[in-house]
Amino acid sequence: MALITVRFYSLWRSYLGTDSATLQADRIDDALTQLEEKFGRRLREKLETAGVHLDGKIQDYSLILLNGINLRNLKSTDFKEGDVLHIFPPAIGG
């Protein structure tokens, strides 16, 4: 398993009370499952307190980059030691 860093930004950082976490995972699916188990409930509770109700998992309402590349643009989601996941709330506004 690879040791990876997960970095949270903007509201997610504020709502989760941390700017980063480290995980042991081989693939993106493993990491997202761990993130959901560790932070999903807390994030949804904070959002509901702010008047936002979201169903689903963190990845359903977040922009996620692996080493700066959107997950949708990756051919492989296997991790290497030292990879970094960046997780942003969706951008809104005008």
PDB file of N, CA and C in Angstrom:
ATOM      1  N   MET A   1       0.838  -1.188   0.000  1.00  0.00           N
ATOM      2  CA  MET A   1       0.000   0.000   0.000  1.00  0.00           C
ATOM      3  C   MET A   1       0.874   1.239   0.000  1.00  0.00           C
ATOM      4  N   ALA A   2       0.384   2.259  -0.661  1.00  0.00           N
ATOM      5  CA  ALA A   2       1.117   3.522  -0.742  1.00  0.00           C
ATOM      6  C   ALA A   2       0.621   4.474   0.347  1.00  0.00           C
ATOM      7  N   LEU A   3       1.529   5.212   0.904  1.00  0.00           N
ATOM      8  CA  LEU A   3       1.183   6.263   1.858  1.00  0.00           C
ATOM      9  C   LEU A   3       0.925   7.525   1.046  1.00  0.00           C
ATOM     10  N   ILE A   4      -0.305   8.048   1.140  1.00  0.00           N
ATOM     11  CA  ILE A   4      -0.663   9.243   0.380  1.00  0.00           C
ATOM     12  C   ILE A   4      -1.109  10.342   1.331  1.00  0.00           C
ATOM     13  N   THR A   5      -1.112  11.567   0.822  1.00  0.00           N
ATOM     14  CA  THR A   5      -1.595  12.728   1.571  1.00  0.00           C
ATOM     15  C   THR A   5      -2.876  13.210   0.925  1.00  0.00           C
ATOM     16  N   VAL A   6      -3.843  13.564   1.744  1.00  0.00           N
ATOM     17  CA  VAL A   6      -5.089  14.160   1.274  1.00  0.00           C
ATOM     18  C   VAL A   6      -5.123  15.576   1.805  1.00  0.00           C
ATOM     19  N   ARG A   7      -5.320  16.533   0.925  1.00  0.00           N
ATOM     20  CA  ARG A   7      -5.392  17.944   1.329  1.00  0.00           C
ATOM     21  C   ARG A   7      -6.803  18.466   1.081  1.00  0.00           C
ATOM     22  N   PHE A   8      -7.343  19.151   2.085  1.00  0.00           N
ATOM     23  CA  PHE A   8      -8.683  19.737   1.991  1.00  0.00           C
ATOM     24  C   PHE A   8      -8.556  21.246   1.813  1.00  0.00           C
ATOM     25  N   TYR A   9      -9.489  21.821   1.078  1.00  0.00           N
ATOM     26  CA  TYR A   9      -9.440  23.249   0.768  1.00  0.00           C
ATOM     27  C   TYR A   9     -10.770  23.929   1.071  1.00  0.00           C
ATOM     28  N   SER A  10     -10.691  25.238   1.273  1.00  0.00           N
ATOM     29  CA  SER A  10     -11.846  26.123   1.394  1.00  0.00           C
ATOM     30  C   SER A  10     -12.783  25.648   2.508  1.00  0.00           C
ATOM     31  N   LEU A  11     -14.077  25.544   2.221  1.00  0.00           N
ATOM     32  CA  LEU A  11     -15.052  25.168   3.244  1.00  0.00           C
ATOM     33  C   LEU A  11     -14.796  23.781   3.817  1.00  0.00           C
ATOM     34  N   TRP A  12     -14.330  22.870   2.989  1.00  0.00           N
ATOM     35  CA  TRP A  12     -14.079  21.517   3.498  1.00  0.00           C
ATOM     36  C   TRP A  12     -13.030  21.572   4.602  1.00  0.00           C
ATOM     37  N   ARG A  13     -12.004  22.374   4.436  1.00  0.00           N
ATOM     38  CA  ARG A  13     -10.967  22.526   5.469  1.00  0.00           C
ATOM     39  C   ARG A  13     -11.594  23.058   6.752  1.00  0.00           C
ATOM     40  N   SER A  14     -12.403  24.076   6.608  1.00  0.00           N
ATOM     41  CA  SER A  14     -13.048  24.686   7.759  1.00  0.00           C
ATOM     42  C   SER A  14     -14.016  23.718   8.442  1.00  0.00           C
ATOM     43  N   TYR A  15     -14.860  23.063   7.670  1.00  0.00           N
ATOM     44  CA  TYR A  15     -15.858  22.164   8.238  1.00  0.00           C
ATOM     45  C   TYR A  15     -15.243  20.916   8.862  1.00  0.00           C
ATOM     46  N   LEU A  16     -14.156  20.433   8.316  1.00  0.00           N
ATOM     47  CA  LEU A  16     -13.542  19.216   8.845  1.00  0.00           C
ATOM     48  C   LEU A  16     -12.544  19.495   9.957  1.00  0.00           C
ATOM     49  N   GLY A  17     -12.130  20.751  10.098  1.00  0.00           N
ATOM     50  CA  GLY A  17     -11.216  21.115  11.162  1.00  0.00           C
ATOM     51  C   GLY A  17      -9.784  20.662  10.926  1.00  0.00           C
ATOM     52  N   THR A  18      -9.452  20.356   9.677  1.00  0.00           N
ATOM     53  CA  THR A  18      -8.087  19.948   9.346  1.00  0.00           C
ATOM     54  C   THR A  18      -7.803  20.314   7.895  1.00  0.00           C
ATOM     55  N   ASP A  19      -6.540  20.502   7.589  1.00  0.00           N
ATOM     56  CA  ASP A  19      -6.196  20.806   6.198  1.00  0.00           C
ATOM     57  C   ASP A  19      -5.636  19.593   5.470  1.00  0.00           C
ATOM     58  N   SER A  20      -5.346  18.501   6.222  1.00  0.00           N
ATOM     59  CA  SER A  20      -4.798  17.326   5.541  1.00  0.00           C
ATOM     60  C   SER A  20      -4.970  16.067   6.382  1.00  0.00           C
ATOM     61  N   ALA A  21      -4.796  14.942   5.706  1.00  0.00           N
ATOM     62  CA  ALA A  21      -4.817  13.631   6.356  1.00  0.00           C
ATOM     63  C   ALA A  21      -3.885  12.722   5.568  1.00  0.00           C
ATOM     64  N   THR A  22      -3.394  11.688   6.212  1.00  0.00           N
ATOM     65  CA  THR A  22      -2.594  10.698   5.498  1.00  0.00           C
ATOM     66  C   THR A  22      -3.342   9.371   5.520  1.00  0.00           C
ATOM     67  N   LEU A  23      -3.226   8.644   4.428  1.00  0.00           N
ATOM     68  CA  LEU A  23      -3.900   7.360   4.282  1.00  0.00           C
ATOM     69  C   LEU A  23      -2.954   6.338   3.672  1.00  0.00           C
ATOM     70  N   GLN A  24      -3.248   5.079   3.908  1.00  0.00           N
ATOM     71  CA  GLN A  24      -2.583   3.974   3.236  1.00  0.00           C
ATOM     72  C   GLN A  24      -3.612   3.387   2.271  1.00  0.00           C
ATOM     73  N   ALA A  25      -3.334   3.445   0.976  1.00  0.00           N
ATOM     74  CA  ALA A  25      -4.278   2.930  -0.015  1.00  0.00           C
ATOM     75  C   ALA A  25      -3.543   2.582  -1.297  1.00  0.00           C
ATOM     76  N   ASP A  26      -4.104   1.634  -2.041  1.00  0.00           N
ATOM     77  CA  ASP A  26      -3.540   1.243  -3.330  1.00  0.00           C
ATOM     78  C   ASP A  26      -4.202   1.951  -4.500  1.00  0.00           C
ATOM     79  N   ARG A  27      -5.499   2.230  -4.339  1.00  0.00           N
ATOM     80  CA  ARG A  27      -6.274   2.810  -5.448  1.00  0.00           C
ATOM     81  C   ARG A  27      -7.180   3.923  -4.928  1.00  0.00           C
ATOM     82  N   ILE A  28      -7.642   4.739  -5.850  1.00  0.00           N
ATOM     83  CA  ILE A  28      -8.506   5.861  -5.483  1.00  0.00           C
ATOM     84  C   ILE A  28      -9.769   5.387  -4.771  1.00  0.00           C
ATOM     85  N   ASP A  29     -10.342   4.274  -5.209  1.00  0.00           N
ATOM     86  CA  ASP A  29     -11.557   3.780  -4.564  1.00  0.00           C
ATOM     87  C   ASP A  29     -11.328   3.471  -3.091  1.00  0.00           C
ATOM     88  N   ASP A  30     -10.169   2.888  -2.784  1.00  0.00           N
ATOM     89  CA  ASP A  30      -9.825   2.595  -1.390  1.00  0.00           C
ATOM     90  C   ASP A  30      -9.731   3.885  -0.573  1.00  0.00           C
ATOM     91  N   ALA A  31      -9.070   4.883  -1.136  1.00  0.00           N
ATOM     92  CA  ALA A  31      -8.890   6.152  -0.431  1.00  0.00           C
ATOM     93  C   ALA A  31     -10.227   6.853  -0.216  1.00  0.00           C
ATOM     94  N   LEU A  32     -11.082   6.857  -1.232  1.00  0.00           N
ATOM     95  CA  LEU A  32     -12.381   7.524  -1.102  1.00  0.00           C
ATOM     96  C   LEU A  32     -13.255   6.829  -0.063  1.00  0.00           C
ATOM     97  N   THR A  33     -13.177   5.516   0.016  1.00  0.00           N
ATOM     98  CA  THR A  33     -13.927   4.789   1.048  1.00  0.00           C
ATOM     99  C   THR A  33     -13.428   5.175   2.439  1.00  0.00           C
ATOM    100  N   GLN A  34     -12.117   5.247   2.607  1.00  0.00           N
ATOM    101  CA  GLN A  34     -11.556   5.644   3.906  1.00  0.00           C
ATOM    102  C   GLN A  34     -11.948   7.078   4.271  1.00  0.00           C
ATOM    103  N   LEU A  35     -11.911   7.975   3.280  1.00  0.00           N
ATOM    104  CA  LEU A  35     -12.284   9.370   3.533  1.00  0.00           C
ATOM    105  C   LEU A  35     -13.743   9.482   3.940  1.00  0.00           C
ATOM    106  N   GLU A  36     -14.598   8.745   3.261  1.00  0.00           N
ATOM    107  CA  GLU A  36     -16.022   8.767   3.594  1.00  0.00           C
ATOM    108  C   GLU A  36     -16.250   8.261   5.009  1.00  0.00           C
ATOM    109  N   GLU A  37     -15.580   7.177   5.380  1.00  0.00           N
ATOM    110  CA  GLU A  37     -15.722   6.624   6.725  1.00  0.00           C
ATOM    111  C   GLU A  37     -15.236   7.594   7.789  1.00  0.00           C
ATOM    112  N   LYS A  38     -14.145   8.276   7.504  1.00  0.00           N
ATOM    113  CA  LYS A  38     -13.536   9.161   8.502  1.00  0.00           C
ATOM    114  C   LYS A  38     -14.176  10.542   8.564  1.00  0.00           C
ATOM    115  N   PHE A  39     -14.546  11.114   7.396  1.00  0.00           N
ATOM    116  CA  PHE A  39     -14.981  12.514   7.360  1.00  0.00           C
ATOM    117  C   PHE A  39     -16.391  12.748   6.835  1.00  0.00           C
ATOM    118  N   GLY A  40     -16.988  11.777   6.174  1.00  0.00           N
ATOM    119  CA  GLY A  40     -18.268  11.998   5.500  1.00  0.00           C
ATOM    120  C   GLY A  40     -19.381  12.483   6.406  1.00  0.00           C
ATOM    121  N   ARG A  41     -19.566  11.790   7.509  1.00  0.00           N
ATOM    122  CA  ARG A  41     -20.641  12.167   8.423  1.00  0.00           C
ATOM    123  C   ARG A  41     -20.452  13.578   8.975  1.00  0.00           C
ATOM    124  N   ARG A  42     -19.230  13.877   9.378  1.00  0.00           N
ATOM    125  CA  ARG A  42     -18.939  15.208   9.946  1.00  0.00           C
ATOM    126  C   ARG A  42     -19.192  16.306   8.919  1.00  0.00           C
ATOM    127  N   LEU A  43     -18.774  16.066   7.673  1.00  0.00           N
ATOM    128  CA  LEU A  43     -18.972  17.064   6.632  1.00  0.00           C
ATOM    129  C   LEU A  43     -20.459  17.285   6.364  1.00  0.00           C
ATOM    130  N   ARG A  44     -21.240  16.223   6.245  1.00  0.00           N
ATOM    131  CA  ARG A  44     -22.681  16.369   6.006  1.00  0.00           C
ATOM    132  C   ARG A  44     -23.366  17.072   7.174  1.00  0.00           C
ATOM    133  N   GLU A  45     -22.956  16.781   8.416  1.00  0.00           N
ATOM    134  CA  GLU A  45     -23.541  17.454   9.582  1.00  0.00           C
ATOM    135  C   GLU A  45     -23.272  18.951   9.539  1.00  0.00           C
ATOM    136  N   LYS A  46     -22.041  19.336   9.203  1.00  0.00           N
ATOM    137  CA  LYS A  46     -21.704  20.764   9.111  1.00  0.00           C
ATOM    138  C   LYS A  46     -22.503  21.438   8.006  1.00  0.00           C
ATOM    139  N   LEU A  47     -22.643  20.768   6.871  1.00  0.00           N
ATOM    140  CA  LEU A  47     -23.410  21.340   5.766  1.00  0.00           C
ATOM    141  C   LEU A  47     -24.880  21.486   6.135  1.00  0.00           C
ATOM    142  N   GLU A  48     -25.444  20.489   6.811  1.00  0.00           N
ATOM    143  CA  GLU A  48     -26.842  20.573   7.222  1.00  0.00           C
ATOM    144  C   GLU A  48     -27.054  21.697   8.222  1.00  0.00           C
ATOM    145  N   THR A  49     -26.091  21.912   9.120  1.00  0.00           N
ATOM    146  CA  THR A  49     -26.166  23.029  10.066  1.00  0.00           C
ATOM    147  C   THR A  49     -26.191  24.362   9.318  1.00  0.00           C
ATOM    148  N   ALA A  50     -25.499  24.412   8.180  1.00  0.00           N
ATOM    149  CA  ALA A  50     -25.471  25.625   7.357  1.00  0.00           C
ATOM    150  C   ALA A  50     -26.671  25.708   6.412  1.00  0.00           C
ATOM    151  N   GLY A  51     -27.593  24.739   6.499  1.00  0.00           N
ATOM    152  CA  GLY A  51     -28.795  24.781   5.678  1.00  0.00           C
ATOM    153  C   GLY A  51     -28.688  24.055   4.352  1.00  0.00           C
ATOM    154  N   VAL A  52     -27.637  23.269   4.165  1.00  0.00           N
ATOM    155  CA  VAL A  52     -27.445  22.531   2.916  1.00  0.00           C
ATOM    156  C   VAL A  52     -27.617  21.048   3.213  1.00  0.00           C
ATOM    157  N   HIS A  53     -28.533  20.416   2.502  1.00  0.00           N
ATOM    158  CA  HIS A  53     -28.728  18.977   2.681  1.00  0.00           C
ATOM    159  C   HIS A  53     -28.202  18.249   1.462  1.00  0.00           C
ATOM    160  N   LEU A  54     -27.237  17.366   1.678  1.00  0.00           N
ATOM    161  CA  LEU A  54     -26.638  16.597   0.585  1.00  0.00           C
ATOM    162  C   LEU A  54     -26.722  15.120   0.892  1.00  0.00           C
ATOM    163  N   ASP A  55     -27.179  14.365  -0.084  1.00  0.00           N
ATOM    164  CA  ASP A  55     -27.109  12.915  -0.001  1.00  0.00           C
ATOM    165  C   ASP A  55     -25.896  12.483  -0.800  1.00  0.00           C
ATOM    166  N   GLY A  56     -25.384  11.329  -0.504  1.00  0.00           N
ATOM    167  CA  GLY A  56     -24.250  10.832  -1.269  1.00  0.00           C
ATOM    168  C   GLY A  56     -22.968  10.905  -0.471  1.00  0.00           C
ATOM    169  N   LYS A  57     -21.895  10.641  -1.175  1.00  0.00           N
ATOM    170  CA  LYS A  57     -20.575  10.590  -0.565  1.00  0.00           C
ATOM    171  C   LYS A  57     -19.776  11.843  -0.906  1.00  0.00           C
ATOM    172  N   ILE A  58     -18.678  12.051  -0.191  1.00  0.00           N
ATOM    173  CA  ILE A  58     -17.841  13.234  -0.392  1.00  0.00           C
ATOM    174  C   ILE A  58     -17.505  13.434  -1.862  1.00  0.00           C
ATOM    175  N   GLN A  59     -17.141  12.363  -2.559  1.00  0.00           N
ATOM    176  CA  GLN A  59     -16.741  12.516  -3.959  1.00  0.00           C
ATOM    177  C   GLN A  59     -17.895  12.950  -4.859  1.00  0.00           C
ATOM    178  N   ASP A  60     -19.145  12.756  -4.409  1.00  0.00           N
ATOM    179  CA  ASP A  60     -20.295  13.159  -5.215  1.00  0.00           C
ATOM    180  C   ASP A  60     -20.461  14.675  -5.269  1.00  0.00           C
ATOM    181  N   TYR A  61     -19.935  15.376  -4.296  1.00  0.00           N
ATOM    182  CA  TYR A  61     -20.084  16.831  -4.265  1.00  0.00           C
ATOM    183  C   TYR A  61     -18.750  17.520  -3.975  1.00  0.00           C
ATOM    184  N   SER A  62     -17.692  16.993  -4.569  1.00  0.00           N
ATOM    185  CA  SER A  62     -16.364  17.589  -4.436  1.00  0.00           C
ATOM    186  C   SER A  62     -15.612  17.492  -5.751  1.00  0.00           C
ATOM    187  N   LEU A  63     -14.685  18.414  -5.948  1.00  0.00           N
ATOM    188  CA  LEU A  63     -13.719  18.330  -7.038  1.00  0.00           C
ATOM    189  C   LEU A  63     -12.495  17.641  -6.457  1.00  0.00           C
ATOM    190  N   ILE A  64     -12.063  16.539  -7.083  1.00  0.00           N
ATOM    191  CA  ILE A  64     -10.931  15.778  -6.564  1.00  0.00           C
ATOM    192  C   ILE A  64      -9.852  15.684  -7.622  1.00  0.00           C
ATOM    193  N   LEU A  65      -8.645  16.074  -7.227  1.00  0.00           N
ATOM    194  CA  LEU A  65      -7.482  16.015  -8.104  1.00  0.00           C
ATOM    195  C   LEU A  65      -6.464  15.052  -7.514  1.00  0.00           C
ATOM    196  N   LEU A  66      -5.808  14.299  -8.369  1.00  0.00           N
ATOM    197  CA  LEU A  66      -4.694  13.458  -7.952  1.00  0.00           C
ATOM    198  C   LEU A  66      -3.436  14.062  -8.543  1.00  0.00           C
ATOM    199  N   ASN A  67      -2.562  14.560  -7.687  1.00  0.00           N
ATOM    200  CA  ASN A  67      -1.333  15.237  -8.122  1.00  0.00           C
ATOM    201  C   ASN A  67      -1.633  16.347  -9.129  1.00  0.00           C
ATOM    202  N   GLY A  68      -2.742  17.064  -8.893  1.00  0.00           N
ATOM    203  CA  GLY A  68      -3.098  18.206  -9.733  1.00  0.00           C
ATOM    204  C   GLY A  68      -3.911  17.883 -10.967  1.00  0.00           C
ATOM    205  N   ILE A  69      -4.278  16.611 -11.182  1.00  0.00           N
ATOM    206  CA  ILE A  69      -5.040  16.223 -12.366  1.00  0.00           C
ATOM    207  C   ILE A  69      -6.409  15.709 -11.928  1.00  0.00           C
ATOM    208  N   ASN A  70      -7.462  16.232 -12.554  1.00  0.00           N
ATOM    209  CA  ASN A  70      -8.819  15.820 -12.247  1.00  0.00           C
ATOM    210  C   ASN A  70      -8.948  14.308 -12.446  1.00  0.00           C
ATOM    211  N   LEU A  71      -9.614  13.644 -11.509  1.00  0.00           N
ATOM    212  CA  LEU A  71      -9.757  12.195 -11.588  1.00  0.00           C
ATOM    213  C   LEU A  71     -10.412  11.752 -12.898  1.00  0.00           C
ATOM    214  N   ARG A  72     -11.311  12.576 -13.434  1.00  0.00           N
ATOM    215  CA  ARG A  72     -11.974  12.219 -14.693  1.00  0.00           C
ATOM    216  C   ARG A  72     -11.002  12.122 -15.857  1.00  0.00           C
ATOM    217  N   ASN A  73      -9.849  12.762 -15.748  1.00  0.00           N
ATOM    218  CA  ASN A  73      -8.872  12.781 -16.833  1.00  0.00           C
ATOM    219  C   ASN A  73      -7.767  11.740 -16.670  1.00  0.00           C
ATOM    220  N   LEU A  74      -7.858  10.912 -15.656  1.00  0.00           N
ATOM    221  CA  LEU A  74      -6.812   9.921 -15.393  1.00  0.00           C
ATOM    222  C   LEU A  74      -7.158   8.571 -16.012  1.00  0.00           C
ATOM    223  N   LYS A  75      -6.168   7.932 -16.571  1.00  0.00           N
ATOM    224  CA  LYS A  75      -6.350   6.575 -17.090  1.00  0.00           C
ATOM    225  C   LYS A  75      -6.145   5.551 -15.980  1.00  0.00           C
ATOM    226  N   SER A  76      -5.267   5.836 -15.049  1.00  0.00           N
ATOM    227  CA  SER A  76      -4.988   4.931 -13.944  1.00  0.00           C
ATOM    228  C   SER A  76      -5.212   5.657 -12.627  1.00  0.00           C
ATOM    229  N   THR A  77      -5.853   4.973 -11.713  1.00  0.00           N
ATOM    230  CA  THR A  77      -6.071   5.568 -10.390  1.00  0.00           C
ATOM    231  C   THR A  77      -5.342   4.770  -9.315  1.00  0.00           C
ATOM    232  N   ASP A  78      -4.279   4.089  -9.720  1.00  0.00           N
ATOM    233  CA  ASP A  78      -3.412   3.415  -8.754  1.00  0.00           C
ATOM    234  C   ASP A  78      -2.472   4.445  -8.134  1.00  0.00           C
ATOM    235  N   PHE A  79      -2.209   4.299  -6.848  1.00  0.00           N
ATOM    236  CA  PHE A  79      -1.349   5.236  -6.153  1.00  0.00           C
ATOM    237  C   PHE A  79       0.112   4.798  -6.163  1.00  0.00           C
ATOM    238  N   LYS A  80       0.966   5.813  -6.088  1.00  0.00           N
ATOM    239  CA  LYS A  80       2.382   5.625  -5.829  1.00  0.00           C
ATOM    240  C   LYS A  80       2.674   6.309  -4.490  1.00  0.00           C
ATOM    241  N   GLU A  81       3.673   5.833  -3.807  1.00  0.00           N
ATOM    242  CA  GLU A  81       4.079   6.444  -2.544  1.00  0.00           C
ATOM    243  C   GLU A  81       4.256   7.947  -2.724  1.00  0.00           C
ATOM    244  N   GLY A  82       3.640   8.745  -1.835  1.00  0.00           N
ATOM    245  CA  GLY A  82       3.799  10.196  -1.865  1.00  0.00           C
ATOM    246  C   GLY A  82       2.782  10.940  -2.705  1.00  0.00           C
ATOM    247  N   ASP A  83       1.849  10.231  -3.353  1.00  0.00           N
ATOM    248  CA  ASP A  83       0.813  10.917  -4.133  1.00  0.00           C
ATOM    249  C   ASP A  83      -0.013  11.821  -3.226  1.00  0.00           C
ATOM    250  N   VAL A  84      -0.631  12.846  -3.841  1.00  0.00           N
ATOM    251  CA  VAL A  84      -1.445  13.794  -3.089  1.00  0.00           C
ATOM    252  C   VAL A  84      -2.814  13.926  -3.746  1.00  0.00           C
ATOM    253  N   LEU A  85      -3.856  13.706  -2.950  1.00  0.00           N
ATOM    254  CA  LEU A  85      -5.233  13.975  -3.369  1.00  0.00           C
ATOM    255  C   LEU A  85      -5.597  15.364  -2.875  1.00  0.00           C
ATOM    256  N   HIS A  86      -6.145  16.178  -3.746  1.00  0.00           N
ATOM    257  CA  HIS A  86      -6.624  17.527  -3.377  1.00  0.00           C
ATOM    258  C   HIS A  86      -8.135  17.497  -3.480  1.00  0.00           C
ATOM    259  N   ILE A  87      -8.829  17.896  -2.411  1.00  0.00           N
ATOM    260  CA  ILE A  87     -10.283  17.823  -2.394  1.00  0.00           C
ATOM    261  C   ILE A  87     -10.849  19.216  -2.115  1.00  0.00           C
ATOM    262  N   PHE A  88     -11.652  19.697  -3.095  1.00  0.00           N
ATOM    263  CA  PHE A  88     -12.248  21.034  -3.047  1.00  0.00           C
ATOM    264  C   PHE A  88     -13.768  20.935  -3.025  1.00  0.00           C
ATOM    265  N   PRO A  89     -14.432  21.869  -2.344  1.00  0.00           N
ATOM    266  CA  PRO A  89     -15.872  21.943  -2.493  1.00  0.00           C
ATOM    267  C   PRO A  89     -16.204  22.449  -3.894  1.00  0.00           C
ATOM    268  N   PRO A  90     -17.429  22.215  -4.357  1.00  0.00           N
ATOM    269  CA  PRO A  90     -17.767  22.724  -5.694  1.00  0.00           C
ATOM    270  C   PRO A  90     -17.711  24.242  -5.722  1.00  0.00           C
ATOM    271  N   ALA A  91     -17.305  24.792  -6.835  1.00  0.00           N
ATOM    272  CA  ALA A  91     -17.253  26.252  -6.989  1.00  0.00           C
ATOM    273  C   ALA A  91     -18.626  26.753  -7.393  1.00  0.00           C
ATOM    274  N   ILE A  92     -19.081  27.788  -6.696  1.00  0.00           N
ATOM    275  CA  ILE A  92     -20.348  28.401  -7.035  1.00  0.00           C
ATOM    276  C   ILE A  92     -20.203  29.901  -6.919  1.00  0.00           C
ATOM    277  N   GLY A  93     -21.135  30.589  -7.458  1.00  0.00           N
ATOM    278  CA  GLY A  93     -21.112  32.050  -7.344  1.00  0.00           C
ATOM    279  C   GLY A  93     -20.965  32.702  -8.697  1.00  0.00           C
ATOM    280  N   GLY A  94     -20.737  33.982  -8.677  1.00  0.00           N
ATOM    281  CA  GLY A  94     -20.672  34.691  -9.950  1.00  0.00           C
ATOM    282  C   GLY A  94     -19.731  35.839  -9.900  1.00  0.00           C
TER     283      GLY A  94
END
